[in-house]
Structure formats: C-alpha cells, structure tokens
Protein backbone atom coordinates (compact mmCIF):
# COMPACT_ATOMS: atom_id res chain seq x y z
CA MET A 1 -49.84 38.99 52.09
CA GLN A 2 -51.64 35.56 51.21
CA LYS A 3 -50.09 32.93 53.64
CA THR A 4 -50.05 30.02 51.19
CA PHE A 5 -47.64 27.88 53.44
CA GLN A 6 -49.68 28.99 56.82
CA ASN A 7 -48.98 26.05 59.09
CA LYS A 8 -46.38 24.25 56.90
CA VAL A 9 -42.69 23.26 58.03
CA ALA A 10 -39.84 23.13 55.42
CA ILE A 11 -36.18 22.51 55.42
CA VAL A 12 -33.69 24.39 52.74
CA THR A 13 -30.37 23.23 52.29
CA GLY A 14 -27.47 25.46 51.26
CA ALA A 15 -29.48 28.49 52.28
CA GLY A 16 -27.30 30.84 53.41
CA GLN A 17 -27.19 33.41 51.10
CA GLY A 18 -28.58 33.61 47.21
CA ILE A 19 -31.21 31.49 46.12
CA GLY A 20 -31.51 29.38 48.92
CA ARG A 21 -32.03 32.31 51.40
CA GLU A 22 -34.28 33.77 49.27
CA ILE A 23 -36.41 30.81 48.78
CA CYS A 24 -36.60 30.59 52.68
CA ARG A 25 -37.36 34.13 53.08
CA GLN A 26 -40.37 34.11 50.71
CA LEU A 27 -41.48 30.61 52.36
CA ALA A 28 -41.36 32.32 55.76
CA ARG A 29 -43.31 35.40 54.46
CA GLN A 30 -45.99 33.41 53.24
CA GLY A 31 -46.18 31.45 56.96
CA ALA A 32 -44.06 28.41 56.71
CA SER A 33 -41.82 27.79 59.62
CA VAL A 34 -38.56 27.01 58.03
CA VAL A 35 -35.34 25.20 59.16
CA LEU A 36 -32.35 26.88 57.15
CA ASN A 37 -29.26 25.08 56.85
CA ASP A 38 -25.75 26.31 55.35
CA VAL A 39 -22.35 24.45 55.92
CA GLU A 40 -21.10 27.81 57.60
CA GLU A 41 -22.71 28.00 60.88
CA SER A 42 -22.42 31.92 61.10
CA LEU A 43 -23.85 32.46 57.50
CA ALA A 44 -26.75 30.33 58.31
CA GLU A 45 -27.63 32.05 61.64
CA ALA A 46 -27.13 35.57 60.32
CA SER A 47 -29.84 34.58 57.60
CA ALA A 48 -32.01 33.00 59.98
CA ASN A 49 -31.85 36.42 62.15
CA ALA A 50 -32.59 38.33 59.08
CA ILE A 51 -35.74 36.16 58.38
CA ARG A 52 -36.86 36.31 61.81
CA GLY A 53 -36.03 40.35 61.81
CA GLU A 54 -39.16 40.15 58.86
CA LYS A 55 -41.46 38.39 61.72
CA GLY A 56 -40.67 35.15 59.78
CA ASN A 57 -40.68 31.67 61.74
CA CYS A 58 -37.07 30.56 60.82
CA ILE A 59 -34.26 28.72 62.86
CA SER A 60 -30.76 27.66 61.58
CA PHE A 61 -29.32 24.55 61.50
CA ALA A 62 -25.81 24.53 60.07
CA GLY A 63 -23.87 21.23 58.95
CA ASP A 64 -22.55 19.41 56.18
CA ALA A 65 -25.73 18.61 54.12
CA SER A 66 -23.95 16.07 52.16
CA ASP A 67 -23.42 13.93 55.24
CA VAL A 68 -26.08 11.35 55.77
CA PRO A 69 -26.33 11.29 59.75
CA PHE A 70 -26.37 14.90 59.80
CA ILE A 71 -29.25 14.85 57.42
CA GLN A 72 -30.99 12.60 59.76
CA ARG A 73 -30.33 14.80 62.99
CA MET A 74 -31.77 17.81 60.67
CA VAL A 75 -35.00 16.03 59.72
CA ASP A 76 -35.70 14.69 63.73
CA GLU A 77 -34.90 18.13 64.97
CA THR A 78 -37.17 20.28 62.42
CA VAL A 79 -39.96 17.34 63.76
CA ARG A 80 -38.82 17.57 67.17
CA HIS A 81 -39.08 21.56 67.10
CA PHE A 82 -41.95 22.46 64.76
CA GLY A 83 -43.83 18.72 65.01
CA LYS A 84 -43.81 17.69 61.40
CA LEU A 85 -41.97 18.26 57.98
CA ASP A 86 -44.24 18.96 54.61
CA ILE A 87 -41.60 20.51 52.03
CA ILE A 88 -38.04 20.11 51.43
CA VAL A 89 -35.90 21.73 48.94
CA ALA A 90 -32.42 20.14 48.27
CA ASN A 91 -30.50 23.77 47.55
CA ALA A 92 -27.13 22.59 48.45
CA GLY A 93 -24.48 21.97 45.80
CA ILE A 94 -21.06 23.22 44.70
CA THR A 95 -19.64 23.74 41.37
CA LEU A 96 -15.96 22.78 40.56
CA PHE A 97 -14.80 23.65 37.61
CA GLY A 98 -12.12 21.53 35.40
CA ASP A 99 -11.11 20.43 32.03
CA PHE A 100 -12.41 16.92 31.43
CA LEU A 101 -9.12 15.68 30.54
CA ASP A 102 -7.51 16.25 33.56
CA TYR A 103 -10.44 16.59 35.91
CA LYS A 104 -9.34 15.24 39.80
CA PRO A 105 -11.23 12.10 41.18
CA GLU A 106 -11.51 13.87 44.49
CA ASP A 107 -13.03 17.05 42.77
CA PHE A 108 -15.69 14.43 40.72
CA TYR A 109 -16.68 12.79 44.20
CA SER A 110 -16.97 15.87 46.00
CA VAL A 111 -19.38 16.97 43.28
CA MET A 112 -21.40 14.12 43.53
CA LYS A 113 -21.36 13.77 47.14
CA VAL A 114 -22.96 16.78 47.57
CA ASN A 115 -24.82 17.39 44.50
CA LEU A 116 -26.46 13.90 44.32
CA GLY A 117 -25.93 12.28 47.66
CA GLY A 118 -26.90 15.42 49.87
CA SER A 119 -30.07 15.59 48.09
CA PHE A 120 -30.88 11.95 47.62
CA PHE A 121 -30.77 11.06 51.24
CA LEU A 122 -32.31 14.06 52.06
CA ALA A 123 -35.09 13.08 49.89
CA GLN A 124 -35.09 9.54 51.86
CA ALA A 125 -34.94 10.88 55.34
CA ALA A 126 -37.89 13.36 54.60
CA ALA A 127 -39.94 10.74 52.79
CA ASN A 128 -39.90 8.29 55.51
CA GLN A 129 -40.86 11.28 57.93
CA MET A 130 -43.56 11.86 55.43
CA LYS A 131 -44.97 8.67 54.99
CA ASN A 132 -45.10 8.30 58.95
CA GLN A 133 -47.09 11.51 58.94
CA GLY A 134 -49.66 10.18 56.52
CA THR A 135 -50.57 13.92 55.22
CA GLY A 136 -48.22 14.00 51.95
CA GLY A 137 -45.49 16.52 51.25
CA SER A 138 -43.22 18.34 48.46
CA MET A 139 -39.86 17.93 47.53
CA LEU A 140 -37.83 19.91 45.12
CA PHE A 141 -34.15 19.47 43.72
CA MET A 142 -32.24 22.16 42.39
CA SER A 143 -30.90 21.45 38.66
CA SER A 144 -29.34 23.72 36.33
CA VAL A 145 -29.37 24.56 32.60
CA THR A 146 -26.03 22.80 32.29
CA GLY A 147 -28.13 19.62 33.05
CA HIS A 148 -29.75 20.76 29.70
CA GLN A 149 -27.05 22.52 27.72
CA ALA A 150 -23.17 21.58 27.40
CA HIS A 151 -21.03 24.23 29.26
CA LYS A 152 -17.15 24.33 28.90
CA ASN A 153 -15.24 22.69 31.85
CA LEU A 154 -18.58 21.68 33.83
CA SER A 155 -19.09 17.86 32.86
CA ALA A 156 -19.19 16.41 36.33
CA TYR A 157 -21.49 19.47 37.59
CA GLY A 158 -23.88 19.18 34.52
CA MET A 159 -23.88 15.40 35.14
CA SER A 160 -24.98 15.73 38.63
CA LYS A 161 -27.82 18.18 37.58
CA ALA A 162 -29.50 16.22 34.91
CA ALA A 163 -29.20 13.09 37.24
CA LEU A 164 -31.53 15.20 39.85
CA GLU A 165 -33.99 15.64 37.06
CA MET A 166 -34.03 11.86 36.61
CA LEU A 167 -34.45 11.43 40.57
CA ALA A 168 -37.29 13.40 40.56
CA LYS A 169 -38.88 11.31 37.57
CA THR A 170 -37.98 8.39 39.40
CA LEU A 171 -39.48 8.95 42.81
CA VAL A 172 -42.82 9.65 41.35
CA VAL A 173 -43.18 5.79 41.10
CA GLU A 174 -42.14 5.24 44.57
CA LEU A 175 -43.60 8.24 46.35
CA SER A 176 -46.86 9.19 44.75
CA PRO A 177 -48.61 6.38 46.61
CA TYR A 178 -48.00 8.52 49.78
CA ARG A 179 -49.05 11.79 48.13
CA ILE A 180 -45.77 13.31 47.97
CA THR A 181 -44.92 15.04 44.95
CA VAL A 182 -41.18 15.73 43.76
CA ASN A 183 -39.91 18.18 41.05
CA ALA A 184 -36.88 20.03 40.17
CA ILE A 185 -36.08 23.58 39.03
CA ALA A 186 -33.38 24.54 36.74
CA PRO A 187 -32.06 28.27 37.13
CA GLY A 188 -29.85 29.61 34.41
CA ALA A 189 -27.96 32.76 35.09
CA THR A 190 -28.98 34.04 38.32
CA LEU A 191 -27.53 37.40 40.00
CA THR A 192 -26.49 36.25 43.38
CA GLU A 193 -23.42 37.36 45.88
CA ARG A 194 -21.44 34.71 44.32
CA THR A 195 -22.00 35.79 40.40
CA GLY A 196 -21.90 39.35 41.78
CA ASN A 197 -18.27 38.89 42.49
CA ASP A 198 -17.50 38.60 38.61
CA PRO A 199 -17.85 42.24 37.43
CA ALA A 200 -18.46 41.19 33.90
CA TYR A 201 -21.12 38.43 34.57
CA GLU A 202 -23.90 40.60 34.12
CA LYS A 203 -23.09 42.35 31.30
CA THR A 204 -22.18 38.91 29.43
CA TRP A 205 -25.52 37.10 30.61
CA SER A 206 -27.70 40.30 29.63
CA ALA A 207 -26.05 40.02 26.22
CA ILE A 208 -26.80 36.37 25.41
CA THR A 209 -30.44 35.89 27.33
CA PRO A 210 -33.11 36.48 24.98
CA ILE A 211 -35.05 38.58 27.84
CA GLY A 212 -31.94 40.63 28.11
CA LYS A 213 -30.75 40.12 31.82
CA PRO A 214 -30.07 37.28 33.97
CA ALA A 215 -32.64 36.19 36.82
CA SER A 216 -32.59 37.62 40.20
CA THR A 217 -33.04 35.36 43.29
CA GLU A 218 -36.56 36.41 43.55
CA ASP A 219 -37.35 34.92 40.13
CA ILE A 220 -36.06 31.57 40.77
CA ALA A 221 -37.84 31.42 44.63
CA ASN A 222 -41.25 32.31 42.76
CA ALA A 223 -40.87 29.25 40.58
CA ALA A 224 -39.58 27.22 43.52
CA LEU A 225 -42.16 28.22 45.86
CA PHE A 226 -45.08 27.23 43.06
CA LEU A 227 -43.91 23.84 42.73
CA VAL A 228 -43.95 23.18 46.29
CA SER A 229 -47.58 25.05 46.88
CA PRO A 230 -50.90 23.36 47.06
CA GLN A 231 -51.24 25.05 43.41
CA ALA A 232 -48.82 22.42 41.98
CA GLY A 233 -50.36 19.65 43.79
CA HIS A 234 -51.04 17.45 40.60
CA ILE A 235 -47.49 18.57 39.23
CA THR A 236 -44.97 15.91 40.37
CA GLY A 237 -41.61 14.18 38.00
CA GLN A 238 -41.39 17.59 36.14
CA THR A 239 -38.36 20.26 35.72
CA LEU A 240 -39.10 23.84 35.09
CA VAL A 241 -36.37 25.42 33.41
CA ILE A 242 -35.90 29.41 34.70
CA ASP A 243 -33.26 31.13 32.43
CA GLY A 244 -35.01 33.96 30.61
CA GLY A 245 -35.10 31.84 27.03
CA TRP A 246 -31.56 31.23 27.13
CA THR A 247 -31.95 27.27 26.58
CA SER A 248 -33.73 28.14 23.31
CA VAL A 249 -30.80 29.55 21.64
CA SER A 250 -27.67 28.65 24.22
CA PRO A 251 -24.79 30.73 23.24
CA SER A 252 -21.72 30.27 25.20
CA PRO A 253 -20.44 32.95 27.79
CA TYR A 254 -16.90 31.62 26.31
C-alpha cells in the first residue's frame, strides 16, 4: 500500500467508533502516526488497540474535545510523543434532536460547545503549533448535509454544521500565509454503529438516495484522507459533500 502519510502526525477527535475511527485506521495504514481521541476512555483505547493490531502507529487520548484546556493538553502531548503535528480532523460532534418551538437552551449550548467550540479551539491550538513548526499543515472539519438542506428537529445541529463550513472558508484568510489548508466534508446518511441501531435506517436511506444506498465509513474516510493529503495541497476553504446525490433531490426520510 502507498504510504501517502508517511512521517505525518494527526489528531482525530471523536474517533472511538464510526467515521472517526475509520479515518484513524486509514491514516495509520498509510503511514501516519495518529492520536485517537474520544470522550469514552474504554472506546478510545479499544479502537487504538485495534489499529495497533493492524500494525498502525496509534495512541489514544481520552477526554472532552470541547474543553479548551484539554484540547491544548492533547496538542502538547501529541507533540511531546511524536515531535510535531501535521493534520487535525475535528470529527467530534453531538446530535440533539428537538422541535424548534421548545428546544431547550441547555441542548442548544451543548451542541454549539461540542460541534463549534471544539472544532474552533482545536483548530486554534493546532494552527499555533503548525505556525511555530513552519512546515504547514492540514485541517478538516466535519460538516453534514444538514448544513445544506433542512432536516426536521435538527435546527441547532444544522446551524452548527453550516457554521463549520464558513469557519473553513474564513480561516483561509488567516492561515494560508502559514501554508495551512482548511477544508470540510459534509457526509450524508452513513452506516455506523449508531445508525445501525435503527433497523429501518439502511432501507429508508437506500430508497431516497440516488446511488441507492447510504455511505459506508470507508466512503467518508476516503474523502477525508484526500483533503488532508499532499494531493489536495492547493484546495482550501472548500466543503465536499459525500451523500450519494441526496442533496441534489433532498427527499425527506420522514
């Protein structure tokens, strides 16, 4: 296998399972040293162990990826352990459904703290490290098709995801002088451990997705790895939608 990320060091948040774990797995398979974060310590360590079992270089670093002091510790520990930081994937996020008319303030601020605050301050800490290194870097935010098309009961979540795409665009102005690229991906329906708990999920999304099936975690990871790779070195401020064509037609799953 081609080692596209040989000698690169990456942090991926919210990576104990699903898309984040697959991104870690693929980065490690292609030569990167990976710091795998998840809020659940047992999940983070189990996933890092599995990647090491495939001969990948991966360590776990459990904690709350929306907590600013923790974010800085994670960046510092990454540099202490691996010597530098080249790539971040701000994958940690939460989804709290609720009708707009009675959406709870505590739910709103929880979504914003994790989805926006965690991504913003991870990017800030990483950018300062990359600036000091002087060798550039790549950042990727995790948006969603709900940042492009309305979904019932997801007003706060969709708002947070659209904001991440604007953050990627805005940071082009501030981080390009340091040769740091900033992009986002917007996954559509994806088969993960979480969505697999809904017995109707795959059937429902297969019926309304033009390609005829929801994405796999590998589908999303493939796009993520491209945008943080040297092959995407002249791409910045962009969002890549990975949805099997759903946003072109946008039928509701309800």
